[in-house]
Amino acid sequence: MAKIPNFIHNTDIGQNFLIDYSIVDFILRRAKLTAADKVLEIGPGDGILTEGLLSTDCSGICTVELDTRLKHTIEMLAIKDS
């Protein structure tokens, strides 16, 4: 993962990471989020999709991440967005 050097994913909890921005763009286009939408993101990882969601009109994003090693990365996105 580019954002977290030397990070080794945990296969015991099924970790896989989205790394292709074109896939993020595809997901966001298909979602057609509006201000009436709130998003629950399970496993935000290093936040590549979360960053994309922050650029939409959705009214809120809630993330749930089991891996505490990723907590700081997601918190930094929240601070950046505030």
N, C-alpha and C. Protein backbone atom coordinates (compact mmCIF):
# COMPACT_ATOMS: atom_id res chain seq x y z
N MET A 1 0.84 -1.18 0.00
CA MET A 1 0.00 0.00 0.00
C MET A 1 0.88 1.24 0.00
N ALA A 2 0.63 2.11 -0.92
CA ALA A 2 1.47 3.29 -1.09
C ALA A 2 1.41 4.24 0.10
N LYS A 3 0.26 4.37 0.75
CA LYS A 3 0.12 5.34 1.83
C LYS A 3 0.75 4.87 3.14
N ILE A 4 0.91 3.56 3.29
CA ILE A 4 1.44 3.02 4.53
C ILE A 4 2.64 2.14 4.19
N PRO A 5 3.85 2.71 4.24
CA PRO A 5 5.05 1.94 3.87
C PRO A 5 5.21 0.70 4.75
N ASN A 6 5.67 -0.38 4.14
CA ASN A 6 5.96 -1.65 4.83
C ASN A 6 4.74 -2.28 5.49
N PHE A 7 3.56 -1.91 5.06
CA PHE A 7 2.33 -2.49 5.62
C PHE A 7 2.12 -3.88 5.03
N ILE A 8 1.88 -4.85 5.88
CA ILE A 8 1.59 -6.22 5.43
C ILE A 8 0.14 -6.51 5.78
N HIS A 9 -0.65 -6.83 4.75
CA HIS A 9 -2.08 -7.07 4.98
C HIS A 9 -2.30 -8.35 5.79
N ASN A 10 -3.41 -8.38 6.48
CA ASN A 10 -3.76 -9.49 7.36
C ASN A 10 -4.77 -10.39 6.65
N THR A 11 -4.28 -11.49 6.12
CA THR A 11 -5.17 -12.41 5.40
C THR A 11 -6.13 -13.14 6.34
N ASP A 12 -5.81 -13.16 7.63
CA ASP A 12 -6.71 -13.82 8.59
C ASP A 12 -8.07 -13.13 8.67
N ILE A 13 -8.11 -11.84 8.37
CA ILE A 13 -9.39 -11.13 8.38
C ILE A 13 -9.83 -10.78 6.96
N GLY A 14 -9.21 -11.42 5.98
CA GLY A 14 -9.63 -11.27 4.59
C GLY A 14 -9.28 -9.94 3.95
N GLN A 15 -8.20 -9.32 4.41
CA GLN A 15 -7.85 -8.01 3.86
C GLN A 15 -7.42 -8.08 2.41
N ASN A 16 -8.01 -7.23 1.63
CA ASN A 16 -7.62 -6.95 0.24
C ASN A 16 -7.77 -5.45 0.08
N PHE A 17 -6.88 -4.84 -0.68
CA PHE A 17 -6.90 -3.39 -0.77
C PHE A 17 -7.14 -2.91 -2.19
N LEU A 18 -8.01 -1.94 -2.30
CA LEU A 18 -8.29 -1.27 -3.56
C LEU A 18 -7.14 -0.31 -3.83
N ILE A 19 -6.49 -0.46 -4.99
CA ILE A 19 -5.35 0.40 -5.30
C ILE A 19 -5.49 1.12 -6.64
N ASP A 20 -6.54 0.80 -7.38
CA ASP A 20 -6.71 1.34 -8.72
C ASP A 20 -7.75 2.47 -8.70
N TYR A 21 -7.28 3.69 -8.94
CA TYR A 21 -8.18 4.85 -8.91
C TYR A 21 -9.26 4.78 -9.98
N SER A 22 -9.01 4.07 -11.06
CA SER A 22 -10.06 3.97 -12.09
C SER A 22 -11.24 3.14 -11.58
N ILE A 23 -10.98 2.20 -10.70
CA ILE A 23 -12.07 1.42 -10.09
C ILE A 23 -12.85 2.31 -9.12
N VAL A 24 -12.15 3.14 -8.37
CA VAL A 24 -12.82 4.09 -7.47
C VAL A 24 -13.74 5.00 -8.28
N ASP A 25 -13.22 5.54 -9.37
CA ASP A 25 -14.04 6.40 -10.24
C ASP A 25 -15.27 5.66 -10.75
N PHE A 26 -15.09 4.40 -11.16
CA PHE A 26 -16.21 3.59 -11.65
C PHE A 26 -17.27 3.41 -10.56
N ILE A 27 -16.83 3.06 -9.36
CA ILE A 27 -17.75 2.85 -8.23
C ILE A 27 -18.54 4.13 -7.95
N LEU A 28 -17.84 5.25 -7.91
CA LEU A 28 -18.50 6.52 -7.59
C LEU A 28 -19.48 6.94 -8.68
N ARG A 29 -19.12 6.72 -9.93
CA ARG A 29 -20.06 7.05 -11.02
C ARG A 29 -21.31 6.19 -10.93
N ARG A 30 -21.14 4.91 -10.66
CA ARG A 30 -22.29 3.99 -10.58
C ARG A 30 -23.16 4.28 -9.36
N ALA A 31 -22.56 4.74 -8.28
CA ALA A 31 -23.31 5.00 -7.05
C ALA A 31 -24.23 6.21 -7.18
N LYS A 32 -23.86 7.19 -7.98
CA LYS A 32 -24.67 8.40 -8.20
C LYS A 32 -25.15 8.99 -6.87
N LEU A 33 -24.22 9.23 -5.97
CA LEU A 33 -24.55 9.71 -4.63
C LEU A 33 -25.06 11.15 -4.67
N THR A 34 -26.07 11.39 -3.83
CA THR A 34 -26.65 12.74 -3.70
C THR A 34 -26.57 13.16 -2.23
N ALA A 35 -26.98 14.38 -1.96
CA ALA A 35 -26.98 14.90 -0.59
C ALA A 35 -27.92 14.11 0.32
N ALA A 36 -28.83 13.36 -0.25
CA ALA A 36 -29.76 12.54 0.54
C ALA A 36 -29.12 11.22 0.99
N ASP A 37 -27.94 10.92 0.48
CA ASP A 37 -27.29 9.63 0.75
C ASP A 37 -26.29 9.71 1.89
N LYS A 38 -26.29 8.64 2.70
CA LYS A 38 -25.26 8.41 3.71
C LYS A 38 -24.61 7.09 3.34
N VAL A 39 -23.29 6.99 3.52
CA VAL A 39 -22.55 5.80 3.09
C VAL A 39 -21.93 5.10 4.28
N LEU A 40 -22.06 3.78 4.32
CA LEU A 40 -21.37 2.94 5.29
C LEU A 40 -20.29 2.20 4.52
N GLU A 41 -19.04 2.48 4.85
CA GLU A 41 -17.92 1.82 4.18
C GLU A 41 -17.30 0.81 5.14
N ILE A 42 -17.37 -0.46 4.76
CA ILE A 42 -16.81 -1.53 5.57
C ILE A 42 -15.39 -1.79 5.09
N GLY A 43 -14.42 -1.65 5.99
CA GLY A 43 -13.03 -1.89 5.64
C GLY A 43 -12.43 -0.82 4.76
N PRO A 44 -12.35 0.42 5.24
CA PRO A 44 -11.81 1.49 4.40
C PRO A 44 -10.32 1.36 4.09
N GLY A 45 -9.63 0.50 4.81
CA GLY A 45 -8.22 0.28 4.52
C GLY A 45 -7.42 1.56 4.62
N ASP A 46 -6.72 1.92 3.52
CA ASP A 46 -5.91 3.14 3.55
C ASP A 46 -6.68 4.35 3.05
N GLY A 47 -7.96 4.18 2.76
CA GLY A 47 -8.83 5.31 2.48
C GLY A 47 -8.97 5.75 1.04
N ILE A 48 -8.55 4.93 0.09
CA ILE A 48 -8.65 5.34 -1.32
C ILE A 48 -10.10 5.57 -1.73
N LEU A 49 -11.01 4.69 -1.33
CA LEU A 49 -12.42 4.90 -1.66
C LEU A 49 -13.01 6.02 -0.79
N THR A 50 -12.59 6.08 0.47
CA THR A 50 -13.07 7.12 1.38
C THR A 50 -12.76 8.50 0.81
N GLU A 51 -11.56 8.68 0.30
CA GLU A 51 -11.18 9.96 -0.32
C GLU A 51 -12.13 10.30 -1.47
N GLY A 52 -12.43 9.31 -2.27
CA GLY A 52 -13.36 9.52 -3.37
C GLY A 52 -14.74 9.88 -2.88
N LEU A 53 -15.20 9.20 -1.84
CA LEU A 53 -16.52 9.48 -1.27
C LEU A 53 -16.60 10.91 -0.73
N LEU A 54 -15.50 11.39 -0.16
CA LEU A 54 -15.47 12.75 0.37
C LEU A 54 -15.65 13.80 -0.72
N SER A 55 -15.36 13.43 -1.94
CA SER A 55 -15.50 14.37 -3.05
C SER A 55 -16.90 14.36 -3.66
N THR A 56 -17.79 13.52 -3.13
CA THR A 56 -19.16 13.45 -3.65
C THR A 56 -20.09 14.35 -2.84
N ASP A 57 -21.35 14.36 -3.22
CA ASP A 57 -22.35 15.16 -2.52
C ASP A 57 -23.00 14.42 -1.34
N CYS A 58 -22.56 13.19 -1.04
CA CYS A 58 -23.23 12.44 0.03
C CYS A 58 -23.13 13.22 1.34
N SER A 59 -24.14 13.04 2.19
CA SER A 59 -24.23 13.84 3.40
C SER A 59 -23.43 13.28 4.57
N GLY A 60 -22.94 12.05 4.44
CA GLY A 60 -22.16 11.47 5.52
C GLY A 60 -21.52 10.16 5.14
N ILE A 61 -20.40 9.87 5.79
CA ILE A 61 -19.69 8.61 5.58
C ILE A 61 -19.34 8.05 6.94
N CYS A 62 -19.69 6.79 7.16
CA CYS A 62 -19.31 6.07 8.37
C CYS A 62 -18.42 4.92 7.92
N THR A 63 -17.24 4.82 8.52
CA THR A 63 -16.33 3.73 8.16
C THR A 63 -16.19 2.77 9.34
N VAL A 64 -16.04 1.49 9.03
CA VAL A 64 -15.82 0.46 10.03
C VAL A 64 -14.58 -0.32 9.61
N GLU A 65 -13.52 -0.24 10.43
CA GLU A 65 -12.26 -0.92 10.13
C GLU A 65 -11.85 -1.76 11.33
N LEU A 66 -11.60 -3.04 11.11
CA LEU A 66 -11.18 -3.93 12.19
C LEU A 66 -9.71 -3.79 12.54
N ASP A 67 -8.89 -3.44 11.55
CA ASP A 67 -7.45 -3.38 11.73
C ASP A 67 -7.06 -2.04 12.34
N THR A 68 -6.71 -2.05 13.62
CA THR A 68 -6.38 -0.80 14.32
C THR A 68 -5.14 -0.12 13.77
N ARG A 69 -4.31 -0.83 13.02
CA ARG A 69 -3.13 -0.21 12.41
C ARG A 69 -3.53 0.84 11.38
N LEU A 70 -4.75 0.78 10.89
CA LEU A 70 -5.21 1.70 9.85
C LEU A 70 -6.00 2.89 10.42
N LYS A 71 -6.20 2.90 11.72
CA LYS A 71 -7.01 3.93 12.37
C LYS A 71 -6.48 5.34 12.08
N HIS A 72 -5.19 5.55 12.20
CA HIS A 72 -4.61 6.88 12.02
C HIS A 72 -4.86 7.41 10.60
N THR A 73 -4.72 6.54 9.61
CA THR A 73 -4.91 6.96 8.22
C THR A 73 -6.32 7.48 7.99
N ILE A 74 -7.31 6.75 8.49
CA ILE A 74 -8.71 7.17 8.31
C ILE A 74 -9.00 8.43 9.13
N GLU A 75 -8.43 8.52 10.33
CA GLU A 75 -8.62 9.73 11.14
C GLU A 75 -8.07 10.96 10.42
N MET A 76 -6.93 10.81 9.75
CA MET A 76 -6.33 11.93 9.03
C MET A 76 -7.24 12.40 7.89
N LEU A 77 -7.93 11.46 7.24
CA LEU A 77 -8.89 11.84 6.19
C LEU A 77 -10.04 12.65 6.78
N ALA A 78 -10.50 12.25 7.96
CA ALA A 78 -11.60 12.97 8.61
C ALA A 78 -11.17 14.39 8.96
N ILE A 79 -9.96 14.54 9.45
CA ILE A 79 -9.44 15.87 9.80
C ILE A 79 -9.30 16.72 8.54
N LYS A 80 -8.77 16.11 7.49
CA LYS A 80 -8.57 16.82 6.23
C LYS A 80 -9.90 17.33 5.67
N ASP A 81 -10.97 16.56 5.89
CA ASP A 81 -12.28 16.92 5.35
C ASP A 81 -13.01 17.96 6.20
N SER A 82 -12.61 18.11 7.45
CA SER A 82 -13.36 19.03 8.34
C SER A 82 -13.01 20.49 8.13
